[in-house]
Amino acid sequence: MKLLQYIQKLPNGYCEVRYNNAKYSVTKSVFNNEKSYKIYASELGGKNFISLNYYCTSQREILKPCEMPVTKVVHFLENYELIC
């Protein structure tokens, strides 16, 4: 599955997911007629977080993690379980 499909599975606005045996609050914002996305996930009761921007251009899709490794963001997107 492409990363965009994992992003689109998250509802717009707020939801909760399970990731690595922990619960996370997730906020997804959509911009530019679904051409760009911002996701921020924060571990409830913990210190871990995930932050990213994702852009869809006419030529390619671009993942921009916010001050964290790409592998951390990709692992989160591929492995979260939607709770809400």
PDB file of N, CA and C in Angstrom:
ATOM      1  N   MET A   1       0.857  -1.176   0.000  1.00  0.00           N
ATOM      2  CA  MET A   1       0.000   0.000   0.000  1.00  0.00           C
ATOM      3  C   MET A   1       0.902   1.239   0.000  1.00  0.00           C
ATOM      4  N   LYS A   2       0.512   2.260  -0.742  1.00  0.00           N
ATOM      5  CA  LYS A   2       1.253   3.507  -0.778  1.00  0.00           C
ATOM      6  C   LYS A   2       1.022   4.298   0.502  1.00  0.00           C
ATOM      7  N   LEU A   3       1.987   5.128   0.853  1.00  0.00           N
ATOM      8  CA  LEU A   3       1.859   5.937   2.063  1.00  0.00           C
ATOM      9  C   LEU A   3       0.605   6.804   2.038  1.00  0.00           C
ATOM     10  N   LEU A   4       0.263   7.332   0.884  1.00  0.00           N
ATOM     11  CA  LEU A   4      -0.924   8.171   0.785  1.00  0.00           C
ATOM     12  C   LEU A   4      -2.177   7.409   1.215  1.00  0.00           C
ATOM     13  N   GLN A   5      -2.248   6.138   0.928  1.00  0.00           N
ATOM     14  CA  GLN A   5      -3.412   5.340   1.327  1.00  0.00           C
ATOM     15  C   GLN A   5      -3.502   5.217   2.846  1.00  0.00           C
ATOM     16  N   TYR A   6      -2.368   5.072   3.518  1.00  0.00           N
ATOM     17  CA  TYR A   6      -2.372   5.032   4.985  1.00  0.00           C
ATOM     18  C   TYR A   6      -2.803   6.382   5.556  1.00  0.00           C
ATOM     19  N   ILE A   7      -2.350   7.452   4.942  1.00  0.00           N
ATOM     20  CA  ILE A   7      -2.730   8.792   5.386  1.00  0.00           C
ATOM     21  C   ILE A   7      -4.221   9.014   5.191  1.00  0.00           C
ATOM     22  N   GLN A   8      -4.741   8.613   4.062  1.00  0.00           N
ATOM     23  CA  GLN A   8      -6.160   8.815   3.774  1.00  0.00           C
ATOM     24  C   GLN A   8      -7.069   7.962   4.649  1.00  0.00           C
ATOM     25  N   LYS A   9      -6.561   6.855   5.196  1.00  0.00           N
ATOM     26  CA  LYS A   9      -7.367   6.023   6.106  1.00  0.00           C
ATOM     27  C   LYS A   9      -7.653   6.735   7.418  1.00  0.00           C
ATOM     28  N   LEU A  10      -6.781   7.665   7.802  1.00  0.00           N
ATOM     29  CA  LEU A  10      -7.017   8.428   9.026  1.00  0.00           C
ATOM     30  C   LEU A  10      -8.129   9.437   8.769  1.00  0.00           C
ATOM     31  N   PRO A  11      -9.080   9.579   9.692  1.00  0.00           N
ATOM     32  CA  PRO A  11     -10.133  10.579   9.483  1.00  0.00           C
ATOM     33  C   PRO A  11      -9.566  11.992   9.606  1.00  0.00           C
ATOM     34  N   ASN A  12     -10.188  12.936   8.932  1.00  0.00           N
ATOM     35  CA  ASN A  12      -9.792  14.334   9.071  1.00  0.00           C
ATOM     36  C   ASN A  12     -10.103  14.799  10.481  1.00  0.00           C
ATOM     37  N   GLY A  13      -9.254  15.635  11.016  1.00  0.00           N
ATOM     38  CA  GLY A  13      -9.442  16.117  12.376  1.00  0.00           C
ATOM     39  C   GLY A  13      -8.776  15.188  13.372  1.00  0.00           C
ATOM     40  N   TYR A  14      -9.461  14.931  14.479  1.00  0.00           N
ATOM     41  CA  TYR A  14      -8.892  14.162  15.597  1.00  0.00           C
ATOM     42  C   TYR A  14      -9.357  12.712  15.588  1.00  0.00           C
ATOM     43  N   CYS A  15      -8.459  11.817  15.947  1.00  0.00           N
ATOM     44  CA  CYS A  15      -8.817  10.426  16.200  1.00  0.00           C
ATOM     45  C   CYS A  15      -7.761   9.825  17.126  1.00  0.00           C
ATOM     46  N   GLU A  16      -7.952   8.574  17.492  1.00  0.00           N
ATOM     47  CA  GLU A  16      -6.975   7.859  18.305  1.00  0.00           C
ATOM     48  C   GLU A  16      -6.596   6.568  17.601  1.00  0.00           C
ATOM     49  N   VAL A  17      -5.317   6.200  17.756  1.00  0.00           N
ATOM     50  CA  VAL A  17      -4.800   4.970  17.158  1.00  0.00           C
ATOM     51  C   VAL A  17      -3.976   4.230  18.194  1.00  0.00           C
ATOM     52  N   ARG A  18      -3.731   2.974  17.910  1.00  0.00           N
ATOM     53  CA  ARG A  18      -2.816   2.175  18.712  1.00  0.00           C
ATOM     54  C   ARG A  18      -1.583   1.927  17.843  1.00  0.00           C
ATOM     55  N   TYR A  19      -0.405   2.132  18.449  1.00  0.00           N
ATOM     56  CA  TYR A  19       0.854   1.936  17.743  1.00  0.00           C
ATOM     57  C   TYR A  19       1.906   1.507  18.757  1.00  0.00           C
ATOM     58  N   ASN A  20       2.610   0.431  18.473  1.00  0.00           N
ATOM     59  CA  ASN A  20       3.654  -0.102  19.375  1.00  0.00           C
ATOM     60  C   ASN A  20       3.136  -0.267  20.807  1.00  0.00           C
ATOM     61  N   ASN A  21       1.962  -0.853  20.945  1.00  0.00           N
ATOM     62  CA  ASN A  21       1.348  -1.129  22.252  1.00  0.00           C
ATOM     63  C   ASN A  21       1.060   0.121  23.065  1.00  0.00           C
ATOM     64  N   ALA A  22       0.892   1.248  22.414  1.00  0.00           N
ATOM     65  CA  ALA A  22       0.545   2.494  23.100  1.00  0.00           C
ATOM     66  C   ALA A  22      -0.576   3.183  22.328  1.00  0.00           C
ATOM     67  N   LYS A  23      -1.309   4.031  23.030  1.00  0.00           N
ATOM     68  CA  LYS A  23      -2.392   4.792  22.421  1.00  0.00           C
ATOM     69  C   LYS A  23      -1.875   6.183  22.053  1.00  0.00           C
ATOM     70  N   TYR A  24      -2.258   6.645  20.861  1.00  0.00           N
ATOM     71  CA  TYR A  24      -1.818   7.945  20.365  1.00  0.00           C
ATOM     72  C   TYR A  24      -3.026   8.789  19.973  1.00  0.00           C
ATOM     73  N   SER A  25      -2.937  10.081  20.254  1.00  0.00           N
ATOM     74  CA  SER A  25      -3.899  11.021  19.692  1.00  0.00           C
ATOM     75  C   SER A  25      -3.327  11.476  18.352  1.00  0.00           C
ATOM     76  N   VAL A  26      -4.173  11.561  17.341  1.00  0.00           N
ATOM     77  CA  VAL A  26      -3.721  11.937  15.999  1.00  0.00           C
ATOM     78  C   VAL A  26      -4.593  13.069  15.471  1.00  0.00           C
ATOM     79  N   THR A  27      -3.943  14.077  14.942  1.00  0.00           N
ATOM     80  CA  THR A  27      -4.651  15.163  14.266  1.00  0.00           C
ATOM     81  C   THR A  27      -4.190  15.193  12.817  1.00  0.00           C
ATOM     82  N   LYS A  28      -5.150  15.109  11.909  1.00  0.00           N
ATOM     83  CA  LYS A  28      -4.848  15.181  10.478  1.00  0.00           C
ATOM     84  C   LYS A  28      -5.546  16.394   9.887  1.00  0.00           C
ATOM     85  N   SER A  29      -4.752  17.227   9.223  1.00  0.00           N
ATOM     86  CA  SER A  29      -5.279  18.391   8.515  1.00  0.00           C
ATOM     87  C   SER A  29      -5.045  18.193   7.024  1.00  0.00           C
ATOM     88  N   VAL A  30      -6.028  18.591   6.225  1.00  0.00           N
ATOM     89  CA  VAL A  30      -5.955  18.429   4.776  1.00  0.00           C
ATOM     90  C   VAL A  30      -6.010  19.817   4.136  1.00  0.00           C
ATOM     91  N   PHE A  31      -5.139  20.038   3.143  1.00  0.00           N
ATOM     92  CA  PHE A  31      -5.053  21.334   2.476  1.00  0.00           C
ATOM     93  C   PHE A  31      -5.046  21.157   0.964  1.00  0.00           C
ATOM     94  N   ASN A  32      -5.302  22.237   0.244  1.00  0.00           N
ATOM     95  CA  ASN A  32      -5.152  22.289  -1.217  1.00  0.00           C
ATOM     96  C   ASN A  32      -5.902  21.172  -1.949  1.00  0.00           C
ATOM     97  N   ASN A  33      -7.177  20.990  -1.610  1.00  0.00           N
ATOM     98  CA  ASN A  33      -7.993  19.959  -2.279  1.00  0.00           C
ATOM     99  C   ASN A  33      -7.343  18.585  -2.230  1.00  0.00           C
ATOM    100  N   GLU A  34      -6.911  18.194  -1.035  1.00  0.00           N
ATOM    101  CA  GLU A  34      -6.279  16.891  -0.784  1.00  0.00           C
ATOM    102  C   GLU A  34      -4.956  16.715  -1.534  1.00  0.00           C
ATOM    103  N   LYS A  35      -4.247  17.817  -1.720  1.00  0.00           N
ATOM    104  CA  LYS A  35      -2.915  17.750  -2.328  1.00  0.00           C
ATOM    105  C   LYS A  35      -1.815  17.835  -1.277  1.00  0.00           C
ATOM    106  N   SER A  36      -2.179  18.215  -0.041  1.00  0.00           N
ATOM    107  CA  SER A  36      -1.201  18.232   1.039  1.00  0.00           C
ATOM    108  C   SER A  36      -1.875  17.896   2.367  1.00  0.00           C
ATOM    109  N   TYR A  37      -1.092  17.263   3.234  1.00  0.00           N
ATOM    110  CA  TYR A  37      -1.591  16.764   4.515  1.00  0.00           C
ATOM    111  C   TYR A  37      -0.582  17.081   5.604  1.00  0.00           C
ATOM    112  N   LYS A  38      -1.091  17.339   6.796  1.00  0.00           N
ATOM    113  CA  LYS A  38      -0.248  17.479   7.975  1.00  0.00           C
ATOM    114  C   LYS A  38      -0.787  16.514   9.015  1.00  0.00           C
ATOM    115  N   ILE A  39       0.104  15.717   9.593  1.00  0.00           N
ATOM    116  CA  ILE A  39      -0.285  14.760  10.624  1.00  0.00           C
ATOM    117  C   ILE A  39       0.614  14.950  11.833  1.00  0.00           C
ATOM    118  N   TYR A  40      -0.028  14.997  12.999  1.00  0.00           N
ATOM    119  CA  TYR A  40       0.711  15.041  14.257  1.00  0.00           C
ATOM    120  C   TYR A  40       0.086  14.001  15.176  1.00  0.00           C
ATOM    121  N   ALA A  41       0.904  13.069  15.640  1.00  0.00           N
ATOM    122  CA  ALA A  41       0.454  12.020  16.553  1.00  0.00           C
ATOM    123  C   ALA A  41       1.285  12.104  17.833  1.00  0.00           C
ATOM    124  N   SER A  42       0.611  12.039  18.970  1.00  0.00           N
ATOM    125  CA  SER A  42       1.284  12.139  20.256  1.00  0.00           C
ATOM    126  C   SER A  42       0.882  10.960  21.145  1.00  0.00           C
ATOM    127  N   GLU A  43       1.878  10.303  21.712  1.00  0.00           N
ATOM    128  CA  GLU A  43       1.622   9.169  22.601  1.00  0.00           C
ATOM    129  C   GLU A  43       0.919   9.665  23.858  1.00  0.00           C
ATOM    130  N   LEU A  44      -0.253   9.097  24.146  1.00  0.00           N
ATOM    131  CA  LEU A  44      -1.002   9.480  25.340  1.00  0.00           C
ATOM    132  C   LEU A  44      -0.318   8.882  26.565  1.00  0.00           C
ATOM    133  N   GLY A  45       0.064   9.725  27.504  1.00  0.00           N
ATOM    134  CA  GLY A  45       0.748   9.261  28.703  1.00  0.00           C
ATOM    135  C   GLY A  45       2.220   8.958  28.466  1.00  0.00           C
ATOM    136  N   GLY A  46       2.761   9.372  27.337  1.00  0.00           N
ATOM    137  CA  GLY A  46       4.160   9.113  27.018  1.00  0.00           C
ATOM    138  C   GLY A  46       4.803  10.316  26.369  1.00  0.00           C
ATOM    139  N   LYS A  47       6.018  10.127  25.880  1.00  0.00           N
ATOM    140  CA  LYS A  47       6.771  11.237  25.302  1.00  0.00           C
ATOM    141  C   LYS A  47       6.969  11.132  23.795  1.00  0.00           C
ATOM    142  N   ASN A  48       6.599  10.014  23.190  1.00  0.00           N
ATOM    143  CA  ASN A  48       6.846   9.812  21.760  1.00  0.00           C
ATOM    144  C   ASN A  48       5.830  10.591  20.929  1.00  0.00           C
ATOM    145  N   PHE A  49       6.265  11.037  19.752  1.00  0.00           N
ATOM    146  CA  PHE A  49       5.361  11.709  18.825  1.00  0.00           C
ATOM    147  C   PHE A  49       5.824  11.461  17.400  1.00  0.00           C
ATOM    148  N   ILE A  50       4.904  11.678  16.475  1.00  0.00           N
ATOM    149  CA  ILE A  50       5.161  11.564  15.042  1.00  0.00           C
ATOM    150  C   ILE A  50       4.630  12.848  14.414  1.00  0.00           C
ATOM    151  N   SER A  51       5.414  13.454  13.539  1.00  0.00           N
ATOM    152  CA  SER A  51       4.984  14.676  12.888  1.00  0.00           C
ATOM    153  C   SER A  51       5.453  14.658  11.434  1.00  0.00           C
ATOM    154  N   LEU A  52       4.528  14.951  10.517  1.00  0.00           N
ATOM    155  CA  LEU A  52       4.895  14.898   9.107  1.00  0.00           C
ATOM    156  C   LEU A  52       4.003  15.778   8.260  1.00  0.00           C
ATOM    157  N   ASN A  53       4.529  16.124   7.103  1.00  0.00           N
ATOM    158  CA  ASN A  53       3.774  16.757   6.030  1.00  0.00           C
ATOM    159  C   ASN A  53       3.911  15.855   4.818  1.00  0.00           C
ATOM    160  N   TYR A  54       2.860  15.803   4.018  1.00  0.00           N
ATOM    161  CA  TYR A  54       2.863  14.966   2.823  1.00  0.00           C
ATOM    162  C   TYR A  54       2.267  15.776   1.683  1.00  0.00           C
ATOM    163  N   TYR A  55       2.988  15.846   0.570  1.00  0.00           N
ATOM    164  CA  TYR A  55       2.578  16.666  -0.571  1.00  0.00           C
ATOM    165  C   TYR A  55       2.399  15.801  -1.813  1.00  0.00           C
ATOM    166  N   CYS A  56       1.348  16.064  -2.557  1.00  0.00           N
ATOM    167  CA  CYS A  56       1.094  15.386  -3.832  1.00  0.00           C
ATOM    168  C   CYS A  56       1.230  16.417  -4.943  1.00  0.00           C
ATOM    169  N   THR A  57       2.257  16.248  -5.773  1.00  0.00           N
ATOM    170  CA  THR A  57       2.437  17.150  -6.903  1.00  0.00           C
ATOM    171  C   THR A  57       2.058  16.399  -8.181  1.00  0.00           C
ATOM    172  N   SER A  58       2.079  17.086  -9.287  1.00  0.00           N
ATOM    173  CA  SER A  58       1.754  16.433 -10.556  1.00  0.00           C
ATOM    174  C   SER A  58       2.824  15.420 -10.959  1.00  0.00           C
ATOM    175  N   GLN A  59       4.022  15.545 -10.386  1.00  0.00           N
ATOM    176  CA  GLN A  59       5.115  14.653 -10.760  1.00  0.00           C
ATOM    177  C   GLN A  59       5.407  13.557  -9.747  1.00  0.00           C
ATOM    178  N   ARG A  60       5.139  13.834  -8.455  1.00  0.00           N
ATOM    179  CA  ARG A  60       5.456  12.828  -7.438  1.00  0.00           C
ATOM    180  C   ARG A  60       4.803  13.174  -6.109  1.00  0.00           C
ATOM    181  N   GLU A  61       4.938  12.251  -5.171  1.00  0.00           N
ATOM    182  CA  GLU A  61       4.470  12.470  -3.811  1.00  0.00           C
ATOM    183  C   GLU A  61       5.691  12.636  -2.920  1.00  0.00           C
ATOM    184  N   ILE A  62       5.615  13.576  -1.975  1.00  0.00           N
ATOM    185  CA  ILE A  62       6.769  13.926  -1.159  1.00  0.00           C
ATOM    186  C   ILE A  62       6.405  13.809   0.318  1.00  0.00           C
ATOM    187  N   LEU A  63       7.164  13.019   1.049  1.00  0.00           N
ATOM    188  CA  LEU A  63       7.013  12.889   2.490  1.00  0.00           C
ATOM    189  C   LEU A  63       8.057  13.770   3.155  1.00  0.00           C
ATOM    190  N   LYS A  64       7.618  14.637   4.075  1.00  0.00           N
ATOM    191  CA  LYS A  64       8.518  15.524   4.802  1.00  0.00           C
ATOM    192  C   LYS A  64       8.304  15.320   6.303  1.00  0.00           C
ATOM    193  N   PRO A  65       9.089  14.435   6.917  1.00  0.00           N
ATOM    194  CA  PRO A  65       9.001  14.291   8.373  1.00  0.00           C
ATOM    195  C   PRO A  65       9.480  15.573   9.053  1.00  0.00           C
ATOM    196  N   CYS A  66       8.944  15.863  10.209  1.00  0.00           N
ATOM    197  CA  CYS A  66       9.337  17.054  10.957  1.00  0.00           C
ATOM    198  C   CYS A  66      10.346  16.662  12.036  1.00  0.00           C
ATOM    199  N   GLU A  67      11.609  16.852  11.727  1.00  0.00           N
ATOM    200  CA  GLU A  67      12.724  16.634  12.654  1.00  0.00           C
ATOM    201  C   GLU A  67      12.763  15.228  13.249  1.00  0.00           C
ATOM    202  N   MET A  68      12.562  14.242  12.382  1.00  0.00           N
ATOM    203  CA  MET A  68      12.682  12.839  12.784  1.00  0.00           C
ATOM    204  C   MET A  68      13.004  12.026  11.537  1.00  0.00           C
ATOM    205  N   PRO A  69      13.523  10.820  11.723  1.00  0.00           N
ATOM    206  CA  PRO A  69      13.869   9.991  10.564  1.00  0.00           C
ATOM    207  C   PRO A  69      12.649   9.573   9.751  1.00  0.00           C
ATOM    208  N   VAL A  70      12.842   9.478   8.461  1.00  0.00           N
ATOM    209  CA  VAL A  70      11.787   9.008   7.557  1.00  0.00           C
ATOM    210  C   VAL A  70      11.318   7.622   7.984  1.00  0.00           C
ATOM    211  N   THR A  71      12.235   6.755   8.396  1.00  0.00           N
ATOM    212  CA  THR A  71      11.874   5.385   8.774  1.00  0.00           C
ATOM    213  C   THR A  71      10.893   5.358   9.946  1.00  0.00           C
ATOM    214  N   LYS A  72      11.028   6.284  10.886  1.00  0.00           N
ATOM    215  CA  LYS A  72      10.113   6.345  12.031  1.00  0.00           C
ATOM    216  C   LYS A  72       8.696   6.687  11.559  1.00  0.00           C
ATOM    217  N   VAL A  73       8.589   7.656  10.663  1.00  0.00           N
ATOM    218  CA  VAL A  73       7.293   8.082  10.151  1.00  0.00           C
ATOM    219  C   VAL A  73       6.647   6.972   9.313  1.00  0.00           C
ATOM    220  N   VAL A  74       7.423   6.365   8.446  1.00  0.00           N
ATOM    221  CA  VAL A  74       6.902   5.292   7.587  1.00  0.00           C
ATOM    222  C   VAL A  74       6.438   4.117   8.444  1.00  0.00           C
ATOM    223  N   HIS A  75       7.202   3.757   9.451  1.00  0.00           N
ATOM    224  CA  HIS A  75       6.817   2.638  10.325  1.00  0.00           C
ATOM    225  C   HIS A  75       5.487   2.937  11.021  1.00  0.00           C
ATOM    226  N   PHE A  76       5.328   4.171  11.494  1.00  0.00           N
ATOM    227  CA  PHE A  76       4.070   4.556  12.124  1.00  0.00           C
ATOM    228  C   PHE A  76       2.907   4.423  11.145  1.00  0.00           C
ATOM    229  N   LEU A  77       3.052   5.005   9.953  1.00  0.00           N
ATOM    230  CA  LEU A  77       1.968   4.976   8.968  1.00  0.00           C
ATOM    231  C   LEU A  77       1.600   3.551   8.564  1.00  0.00           C
ATOM    232  N   GLU A  78       2.572   2.683   8.459  1.00  0.00           N
ATOM    233  CA  GLU A  78       2.310   1.310   8.021  1.00  0.00           C
ATOM    234  C   GLU A  78       1.787   0.407   9.139  1.00  0.00           C
ATOM    235  N   ASN A  79       1.866   0.865  10.405  1.00  0.00           N
ATOM    236  CA  ASN A  79       1.556  -0.042  11.511  1.00  0.00           C
ATOM    237  C   ASN A  79       0.540   0.475  12.525  1.00  0.00           C
ATOM    238  N   TYR A  80       0.007   1.679  12.357  1.00  0.00           N
ATOM    239  CA  TYR A  80      -0.992   2.127  13.320  1.00  0.00           C
ATOM    240  C   TYR A  80      -2.280   1.330  13.132  1.00  0.00           C
ATOM    241  N   GLU A  81      -3.054   1.237  14.217  1.00  0.00           N
ATOM    242  CA  GLU A  81      -4.385   0.617  14.189  1.00  0.00           C
ATOM    243  C   GLU A  81      -5.396   1.650  14.627  1.00  0.00           C
ATOM    244  N   LEU A  82      -6.319   1.967  13.775  1.00  0.00           N
ATOM    245  CA  LEU A  82      -7.346   2.970  14.061  1.00  0.00           C
ATOM    246  C   LEU A  82      -8.249   2.494  15.193  1.00  0.00           C
ATOM    247  N   ILE A  83      -8.474   3.346  16.194  1.00  0.00           N
ATOM    248  CA  ILE A  83      -9.349   3.016  17.317  1.00  0.00           C
ATOM    249  C   ILE A  83     -10.720   3.674  17.122  1.00  0.00           C
ATOM    250  N   CYS A  84     -10.728   4.944  16.733  1.00  0.00           N
ATOM    251  CA  CYS A  84     -12.003   5.684  16.643  1.00  0.00           C
ATOM    252  C   CYS A  84     -12.734   5.424  15.350  1.00  0.00           C
TER     253      CYS A  84
END
